[in-house]
Amino acid sequence: MNITINAKQLRGSLPDVVARVRRGGRVTVIYRSTPAFQIVPLDDTDAPRAALAEDPLYRAEPVGRSTDGKTAADHDAILYRR
């Protein structure tokens, strides 16, 4: 069973995600509208994976646009003090 969550949801529900993965689930984490990584059970590391280019989430378009004219780097500087 694979679920998809964003990074904010991951931070807010980490104990639930850990429990789900321990039961054999897989979690795809989205960061900035793009799949960033998967969380899989340890015993699942040898399972064959589909090519990333075949994953429909990988090819998905961004879900929104900035309305303030700033770039993603500008937003990072504001949010993360970079």
PDB file of N, CA and C in Angstrom:
ATOM      1  N   MET A   1       0.853  -1.162   0.000  1.00  0.00           N
ATOM      2  CA  MET A   1       0.000   0.000   0.000  1.00  0.00           C
ATOM      3  C   MET A   1       0.905   1.234   0.000  1.00  0.00           C
ATOM      4  N   ASN A   2       0.716   2.094  -0.992  1.00  0.00           N
ATOM      5  CA  ASN A   2       1.533   3.292  -1.126  1.00  0.00           C
ATOM      6  C   ASN A   2       0.652   4.519  -0.940  1.00  0.00           C
ATOM      7  N   ILE A   3       1.087   5.427  -0.078  1.00  0.00           N
ATOM      8  CA  ILE A   3       0.373   6.690   0.077  1.00  0.00           C
ATOM      9  C   ILE A   3       1.325   7.821  -0.299  1.00  0.00           C
ATOM     10  N   THR A   4       0.756   8.960  -0.635  1.00  0.00           N
ATOM     11  CA  THR A   4       1.536  10.130  -0.987  1.00  0.00           C
ATOM     12  C   THR A   4       1.171  11.257  -0.038  1.00  0.00           C
ATOM     13  N   ILE A   5       2.192  11.873   0.577  1.00  0.00           N
ATOM     14  CA  ILE A   5       1.960  13.005   1.476  1.00  0.00           C
ATOM     15  C   ILE A   5       2.991  14.083   1.150  1.00  0.00           C
ATOM     16  N   ASN A   6       2.717  15.292   1.613  1.00  0.00           N
ATOM     17  CA  ASN A   6       3.715  16.342   1.419  1.00  0.00           C
ATOM     18  C   ASN A   6       4.598  16.444   2.659  1.00  0.00           C
ATOM     19  N   ALA A   7       5.662  17.213   2.557  1.00  0.00           N
ATOM     20  CA  ALA A   7       6.642  17.296   3.641  1.00  0.00           C
ATOM     21  C   ALA A   7       6.019  17.837   4.925  1.00  0.00           C
ATOM     22  N   LYS A   8       5.095  18.771   4.810  1.00  0.00           N
ATOM     23  CA  LYS A   8       4.440  19.331   5.993  1.00  0.00           C
ATOM     24  C   LYS A   8       3.614  18.258   6.703  1.00  0.00           C
ATOM     25  N   GLN A   9       2.898  17.441   5.933  1.00  0.00           N
ATOM     26  CA  GLN A   9       2.123  16.350   6.526  1.00  0.00           C
ATOM     27  C   GLN A   9       3.052  15.338   7.190  1.00  0.00           C
ATOM     28  N   LEU A  10       4.202  15.082   6.578  1.00  0.00           N
ATOM     29  CA  LEU A  10       5.163  14.151   7.167  1.00  0.00           C
ATOM     30  C   LEU A  10       5.621  14.628   8.534  1.00  0.00           C
ATOM     31  N   ARG A  11       5.960  15.908   8.630  1.00  0.00           N
ATOM     32  CA  ARG A  11       6.400  16.454   9.920  1.00  0.00           C
ATOM     33  C   ARG A  11       5.304  16.332  10.973  1.00  0.00           C
ATOM     34  N   GLY A  12       4.065  16.545  10.559  1.00  0.00           N
ATOM     35  CA  GLY A  12       2.963  16.526  11.520  1.00  0.00           C
ATOM     36  C   GLY A  12       2.482  15.144  11.909  1.00  0.00           C
ATOM     37  N   SER A  13       2.836  14.134  11.129  1.00  0.00           N
ATOM     38  CA  SER A  13       2.311  12.797  11.405  1.00  0.00           C
ATOM     39  C   SER A  13       3.384  11.722  11.368  1.00  0.00           C
ATOM     40  N   LEU A  14       4.603  12.072  11.730  1.00  0.00           N
ATOM     41  CA  LEU A  14       5.706  11.112  11.641  1.00  0.00           C
ATOM     42  C   LEU A  14       5.447   9.809  12.399  1.00  0.00           C
ATOM     43  N   PRO A  15       4.936   9.844  13.634  1.00  0.00           N
ATOM     44  CA  PRO A  15       4.689   8.561  14.321  1.00  0.00           C
ATOM     45  C   PRO A  15       3.714   7.664  13.557  1.00  0.00           C
ATOM     46  N   ASP A  16       2.683   8.244  12.957  1.00  0.00           N
ATOM     47  CA  ASP A  16       1.726   7.454  12.183  1.00  0.00           C
ATOM     48  C   ASP A  16       2.379   6.886  10.921  1.00  0.00           C
ATOM     49  N   VAL A  17       3.235   7.686  10.291  1.00  0.00           N
ATOM     50  CA  VAL A  17       3.936   7.222   9.087  1.00  0.00           C
ATOM     51  C   VAL A  17       4.864   6.065   9.441  1.00  0.00           C
ATOM     52  N   VAL A  18       5.592   6.186  10.535  1.00  0.00           N
ATOM     53  CA  VAL A  18       6.497   5.104  10.960  1.00  0.00           C
ATOM     54  C   VAL A  18       5.697   3.828  11.207  1.00  0.00           C
ATOM     55  N   ALA A  19       4.566   3.941  11.884  1.00  0.00           N
ATOM     56  CA  ALA A  19       3.743   2.760  12.155  1.00  0.00           C
ATOM     57  C   ALA A  19       3.242   2.133  10.859  1.00  0.00           C
ATOM     58  N   ARG A  20       2.826   2.956   9.918  1.00  0.00           N
ATOM     59  CA  ARG A  20       2.325   2.438   8.631  1.00  0.00           C
ATOM     60  C   ARG A  20       3.436   1.718   7.862  1.00  0.00           C
ATOM     61  N   VAL A  21       4.635   2.292   7.852  1.00  0.00           N
ATOM     62  CA  VAL A  21       5.753   1.671   7.140  1.00  0.00           C
ATOM     63  C   VAL A  21       6.170   0.377   7.828  1.00  0.00           C
ATOM     64  N   ARG A  22       6.136   0.340   9.131  1.00  0.00           N
ATOM     65  CA  ARG A  22       6.471  -0.897   9.845  1.00  0.00           C
ATOM     66  C   ARG A  22       5.504  -2.017   9.513  1.00  0.00           C
ATOM     67  N   ARG A  23       4.269  -1.650   9.157  1.00  0.00           N
ATOM     68  CA  ARG A  23       3.274  -2.661   8.763  1.00  0.00           C
ATOM     69  C   ARG A  23       3.393  -3.028   7.288  1.00  0.00           C
ATOM     70  N   GLY A  24       4.392  -2.479   6.600  1.00  0.00           N
ATOM     71  CA  GLY A  24       4.622  -2.851   5.216  1.00  0.00           C
ATOM     72  C   GLY A  24       4.227  -1.804   4.199  1.00  0.00           C
ATOM     73  N   GLY A  25       3.725  -0.672   4.642  1.00  0.00           N
ATOM     74  CA  GLY A  25       3.324   0.376   3.713  1.00  0.00           C
ATOM     75  C   GLY A  25       4.509   1.136   3.157  1.00  0.00           C
ATOM     76  N   ARG A  26       4.249   1.868   2.098  1.00  0.00           N
ATOM     77  CA  ARG A  26       5.272   2.709   1.470  1.00  0.00           C
ATOM     78  C   ARG A  26       4.701   4.122   1.418  1.00  0.00           C
ATOM     79  N   VAL A  27       5.570   5.107   1.598  1.00  0.00           N
ATOM     80  CA  VAL A  27       5.132   6.501   1.603  1.00  0.00           C
ATOM     81  C   VAL A  27       5.997   7.289   0.629  1.00  0.00           C
ATOM     82  N   THR A  28       5.364   7.989  -0.305  1.00  0.00           N
ATOM     83  CA  THR A  28       6.059   8.895  -1.208  1.00  0.00           C
ATOM     84  C   THR A  28       5.876  10.296  -0.663  1.00  0.00           C
ATOM     85  N   VAL A  29       6.968  11.018  -0.473  1.00  0.00           N
ATOM     86  CA  VAL A  29       6.914  12.365   0.093  1.00  0.00           C
ATOM     87  C   VAL A  29       7.126  13.385  -1.033  1.00  0.00           C
ATOM     88  N   ILE A  30       6.209  14.348  -1.089  1.00  0.00           N
ATOM     89  CA  ILE A  30       6.246  15.417  -2.079  1.00  0.00           C
ATOM     90  C   ILE A  30       6.862  16.656  -1.439  1.00  0.00           C
ATOM     91  N   TYR A  31       7.822  17.275  -2.123  1.00  0.00           N
ATOM     92  CA  TYR A  31       8.422  18.524  -1.657  1.00  0.00           C
ATOM     93  C   TYR A  31       8.446  19.481  -2.836  1.00  0.00           C
ATOM     94  N   ARG A  32       7.839  20.622  -2.663  1.00  0.00           N
ATOM     95  CA  ARG A  32       7.734  21.621  -3.736  1.00  0.00           C
ATOM     96  C   ARG A  32       7.070  21.050  -4.979  1.00  0.00           C
ATOM     97  N   SER A  33       5.990  20.366  -4.765  1.00  0.00           N
ATOM     98  CA  SER A  33       5.161  19.820  -5.843  1.00  0.00           C
ATOM     99  C   SER A  33       5.853  18.733  -6.656  1.00  0.00           C
ATOM    100  N   THR A  34       6.946  18.170  -6.133  1.00  0.00           N
ATOM    101  CA  THR A  34       7.691  17.132  -6.845  1.00  0.00           C
ATOM    102  C   THR A  34       7.993  15.984  -5.888  1.00  0.00           C
ATOM    103  N   PRO A  35       7.813  14.733  -6.315  1.00  0.00           N
ATOM    104  CA  PRO A  35       8.195  13.614  -5.461  1.00  0.00           C
ATOM    105  C   PRO A  35       9.674  13.718  -5.093  1.00  0.00           C
ATOM    106  N   ALA A  36       9.953  13.699  -3.800  1.00  0.00           N
ATOM    107  CA  ALA A  36      11.329  13.879  -3.331  1.00  0.00           C
ATOM    108  C   ALA A  36      11.970  12.556  -2.908  1.00  0.00           C
ATOM    109  N   PHE A  37      11.214  11.728  -2.196  1.00  0.00           N
ATOM    110  CA  PHE A  37      11.770  10.448  -1.744  1.00  0.00           C
ATOM    111  C   PHE A  37      10.643   9.534  -1.303  1.00  0.00           C
ATOM    112  N   GLN A  38      11.005   8.259  -1.101  1.00  0.00           N
ATOM    113  CA  GLN A  38      10.064   7.280  -0.582  1.00  0.00           C
ATOM    114  C   GLN A  38      10.576   6.738   0.736  1.00  0.00           C
ATOM    115  N   ILE A  39       9.643   6.432   1.606  1.00  0.00           N
ATOM    116  CA  ILE A  39       9.956   5.757   2.861  1.00  0.00           C
ATOM    117  C   ILE A  39       9.423   4.341   2.707  1.00  0.00           C
ATOM    118  N   VAL A  40      10.311   3.366   2.824  1.00  0.00           N
ATOM    119  CA  VAL A  40       9.941   1.966   2.615  1.00  0.00           C
ATOM    120  C   VAL A  40      10.432   1.143   3.793  1.00  0.00           C
ATOM    121  N   PRO A  41       9.804  -0.009   4.048  1.00  0.00           N
ATOM    122  CA  PRO A  41      10.289  -0.888   5.115  1.00  0.00           C
ATOM    123  C   PRO A  41      11.705  -1.367   4.817  1.00  0.00           C
ATOM    124  N   LEU A  42      12.475  -1.619   5.836  1.00  0.00           N
ATOM    125  CA  LEU A  42      13.852  -2.079   5.664  1.00  0.00           C
ATOM    126  C   LEU A  42      13.946  -3.362   4.865  1.00  0.00           C
ATOM    127  N   ASP A  43      13.032  -4.280   5.074  1.00  0.00           N
ATOM    128  CA  ASP A  43      13.108  -5.549   4.366  1.00  0.00           C
ATOM    129  C   ASP A  43      12.658  -5.440   2.912  1.00  0.00           C
ATOM    130  N   ASP A  44      12.274  -4.256   2.469  1.00  0.00           N
ATOM    131  CA  ASP A  44      11.792  -4.042   1.111  1.00  0.00           C
ATOM    132  C   ASP A  44      12.864  -3.422   0.209  1.00  0.00           C
ATOM    133  N   THR A  45      14.099  -3.326   0.686  1.00  0.00           N
ATOM    134  CA  THR A  45      15.133  -2.630  -0.072  1.00  0.00           C
ATOM    135  C   THR A  45      15.537  -3.361  -1.343  1.00  0.00           C
ATOM    136  N   ASP A  46      15.313  -4.683  -1.423  1.00  0.00           N
ATOM    137  CA  ASP A  46      15.685  -5.434  -2.618  1.00  0.00           C
ATOM    138  C   ASP A  46      14.550  -5.542  -3.629  1.00  0.00           C
ATOM    139  N   ALA A  47      13.401  -4.988  -3.305  1.00  0.00           N
ATOM    140  CA  ALA A  47      12.263  -5.074  -4.219  1.00  0.00           C
ATOM    141  C   ALA A  47      12.550  -4.265  -5.479  1.00  0.00           C
ATOM    142  N   PRO A  48      12.185  -4.813  -6.631  1.00  0.00           N
ATOM    143  CA  PRO A  48      12.419  -4.065  -7.868  1.00  0.00           C
ATOM    144  C   PRO A  48      11.568  -2.803  -7.894  1.00  0.00           C
ATOM    145  N   ARG A  49      12.146  -1.730  -8.403  1.00  0.00           N
ATOM    146  CA  ARG A  49      11.430  -0.462  -8.491  1.00  0.00           C
ATOM    147  C   ARG A  49      11.234  -0.100  -9.952  1.00  0.00           C
ATOM    148  N   ALA A  50      10.125   0.545 -10.215  1.00  0.00           N
ATOM    149  CA  ALA A  50       9.881   1.035 -11.571  1.00  0.00           C
ATOM    150  C   ALA A  50      10.800   2.222 -11.820  1.00  0.00           C
ATOM    151  N   ALA A  51      11.098   2.455 -13.073  1.00  0.00           N
ATOM    152  CA  ALA A  51      11.922   3.612 -13.429  1.00  0.00           C
ATOM    153  C   ALA A  51      11.199   4.886 -13.003  1.00  0.00           C
ATOM    154  N   LEU A  52      11.954   5.837 -12.495  1.00  0.00           N
ATOM    155  CA  LEU A  52      11.370   7.071 -12.005  1.00  0.00           C
ATOM    156  C   LEU A  52      10.585   7.790 -13.095  1.00  0.00           C
ATOM    157  N   ALA A  53      11.073   7.747 -14.313  1.00  0.00           N
ATOM    158  CA  ALA A  53      10.385   8.431 -15.417  1.00  0.00           C
ATOM    159  C   ALA A  53       9.007   7.828 -15.691  1.00  0.00           C
ATOM    160  N   GLU A  54       8.780   6.596 -15.273  1.00  0.00           N
ATOM    161  CA  GLU A  54       7.486   5.948 -15.475  1.00  0.00           C
ATOM    162  C   GLU A  54       6.481   6.319 -14.391  1.00  0.00           C
ATOM    163  N   ASP A  55       6.929   6.910 -13.321  1.00  0.00           N
ATOM    164  CA  ASP A  55       6.044   7.294 -12.220  1.00  0.00           C
ATOM    165  C   ASP A  55       5.243   8.535 -12.630  1.00  0.00           C
ATOM    166  N   PRO A  56       3.903   8.452 -12.644  1.00  0.00           N
ATOM    167  CA  PRO A  56       3.116   9.609 -13.077  1.00  0.00           C
ATOM    168  C   PRO A  56       3.311  10.822 -12.167  1.00  0.00           C
ATOM    169  N   LEU A  57       3.614  10.614 -10.911  1.00  0.00           N
ATOM    170  CA  LEU A  57       3.850  11.754 -10.025  1.00  0.00           C
ATOM    171  C   LEU A  57       5.122  12.501 -10.399  1.00  0.00           C
ATOM    172  N   TYR A  58       6.110  11.783 -10.895  1.00  0.00           N
ATOM    173  CA  TYR A  58       7.364  12.420 -11.283  1.00  0.00           C
ATOM    174  C   TYR A  58       7.163  13.383 -12.447  1.00  0.00           C
ATOM    175  N   ARG A  59       6.248  13.039 -13.334  1.00  0.00           N
ATOM    176  CA  ARG A  59       5.985  13.878 -14.504  1.00  0.00           C
ATOM    177  C   ARG A  59       4.929  14.937 -14.235  1.00  0.00           C
ATOM    178  N   ALA A  60       4.366  14.975 -13.051  1.00  0.00           N
ATOM    179  CA  ALA A  60       3.281  15.916 -12.749  1.00  0.00           C
ATOM    180  C   ALA A  60       3.770  17.361 -12.805  1.00  0.00           C
ATOM    181  N   GLU A  61       2.889  18.229 -13.227  1.00  0.00           N
ATOM    182  CA  GLU A  61       3.185  19.655 -13.268  1.00  0.00           C
ATOM    183  C   GLU A  61       3.084  20.243 -11.861  1.00  0.00           C
ATOM    184  N   PRO A  62       3.729  21.364 -11.591  1.00  0.00           N
ATOM    185  CA  PRO A  62       3.567  22.028 -10.293  1.00  0.00           C
ATOM    186  C   PRO A  62       2.096  22.354 -10.066  1.00  0.00           C
ATOM    187  N   VAL A  63       1.685  22.351  -8.800  1.00  0.00           N
ATOM    188  CA  VAL A  63       0.275  22.572  -8.490  1.00  0.00           C
ATOM    189  C   VAL A  63      -0.079  24.037  -8.303  1.00  0.00           C
ATOM    190  N   GLY A  64       0.870  24.916  -8.256  1.00  0.00           N
ATOM    191  CA  GLY A  64       0.542  26.323  -8.066  1.00  0.00           C
ATOM    192  C   GLY A  64       1.651  27.232  -8.521  1.00  0.00           C
ATOM    193  N   ARG A  65       1.360  28.481  -8.560  1.00  0.00           N
ATOM    194  CA  ARG A  65       2.325  29.501  -8.953  1.00  0.00           C
ATOM    195  C   ARG A  65       2.330  30.597  -7.901  1.00  0.00           C
ATOM    196  N   SER A  66       3.439  31.222  -7.746  1.00  0.00           N
ATOM    197  CA  SER A  66       3.552  32.341  -6.821  1.00  0.00           C
ATOM    198  C   SER A  66       2.815  33.543  -7.399  1.00  0.00           C
ATOM    199  N   THR A  67       2.079  34.227  -6.566  1.00  0.00           N
ATOM    200  CA  THR A  67       1.369  35.417  -7.029  1.00  0.00           C
ATOM    201  C   THR A  67       2.104  36.699  -6.654  1.00  0.00           C
ATOM    202  N   ASP A  68       3.228  36.555  -5.940  1.00  0.00           N
ATOM    203  CA  ASP A  68       3.951  37.756  -5.521  1.00  0.00           C
ATOM    204  C   ASP A  68       5.154  38.063  -6.406  1.00  0.00           C
ATOM    205  N   GLY A  69       5.363  37.270  -7.448  1.00  0.00           N
ATOM    206  CA  GLY A  69       6.452  37.523  -8.381  1.00  0.00           C
ATOM    207  C   GLY A  69       7.814  37.039  -7.913  1.00  0.00           C
ATOM    208  N   LYS A  70       7.882  36.414  -6.743  1.00  0.00           N
ATOM    209  CA  LYS A  70       9.170  35.934  -6.228  1.00  0.00           C
ATOM    210  C   LYS A  70       9.445  34.526  -6.709  1.00  0.00           C
ATOM    211  N   THR A  71      10.709  34.176  -6.763  1.00  0.00           N
ATOM    212  CA  THR A  71      11.116  32.836  -7.178  1.00  0.00           C
ATOM    213  C   THR A  71      11.097  31.898  -5.974  1.00  0.00           C
ATOM    214  N   ALA A  72      11.261  30.613  -6.250  1.00  0.00           N
ATOM    215  CA  ALA A  72      11.340  29.631  -5.174  1.00  0.00           C
ATOM    216  C   ALA A  72      12.542  29.934  -4.275  1.00  0.00           C
ATOM    217  N   ALA A  73      13.646  30.381  -4.857  1.00  0.00           N
ATOM    218  CA  ALA A  73      14.829  30.734  -4.056  1.00  0.00           C
ATOM    219  C   ALA A  73      14.522  31.913  -3.133  1.00  0.00           C
ATOM    220  N   ASP A  74      13.746  32.882  -3.627  1.00  0.00           N
ATOM    221  CA  ASP A  74      13.348  34.010  -2.780  1.00  0.00           C
ATOM    222  C   ASP A  74      12.511  33.530  -1.600  1.00  0.00           C
ATOM    223  N   HIS A  75      11.578  32.633  -1.878  1.00  0.00           N
ATOM    224  CA  HIS A  75      10.739  32.104  -0.794  1.00  0.00           C
ATOM    225  C   HIS A  75      11.571  31.308   0.209  1.00  0.00           C
ATOM    226  N   ASP A  76      12.539  30.530  -0.289  1.00  0.00           N
ATOM    227  CA  ASP A  76      13.419  29.802   0.623  1.00  0.00           C
ATOM    228  C   ASP A  76      14.174  30.755   1.536  1.00  0.00           C
ATOM    229  N   ALA A  77      14.650  31.846   0.976  1.00  0.00           N
ATOM    230  CA  ALA A  77      15.400  32.831   1.782  1.00  0.00           C
ATOM    231  C   ALA A  77      14.518  33.388   2.888  1.00  0.00           C
ATOM    232  N   ILE A  78      13.255  33.621   2.581  1.00  0.00           N
ATOM    233  CA  ILE A  78      12.329  34.148   3.583  1.00  0.00           C
ATOM    234  C   ILE A  78      12.005  33.087   4.630  1.00  0.00           C
ATOM    235  N   LEU A  79      11.665  31.881   4.147  1.00  0.00           N
ATOM    236  CA  LEU A  79      11.219  30.827   5.062  1.00  0.00           C
ATOM    237  C   LEU A  79      12.342  30.225   5.891  1.00  0.00           C
ATOM    238  N   TYR A  80      13.490  30.013   5.249  1.00  0.00           N
ATOM    239  CA  TYR A  80      14.567  29.274   5.903  1.00  0.00           C
ATOM    240  C   TYR A  80      15.783  30.146   6.240  1.00  0.00           C
ATOM    241  N   ARG A  81      15.652  31.428   6.042  1.00  0.00           N
ATOM    242  CA  ARG A  81      16.723  32.385   6.369  1.00  0.00           C
ATOM    243  C   ARG A  81      18.021  32.048   5.649  1.00  0.00           C
ATOM    244  N   ARG A  82      17.930  31.670   4.387  1.00  0.00           N
ATOM    245  CA  ARG A  82      19.119  31.293   3.593  1.00  0.00           C
ATOM    246  C   ARG A  82      19.691  32.499   2.931  1.00  0.00           C
TER     247      ARG A  82
END
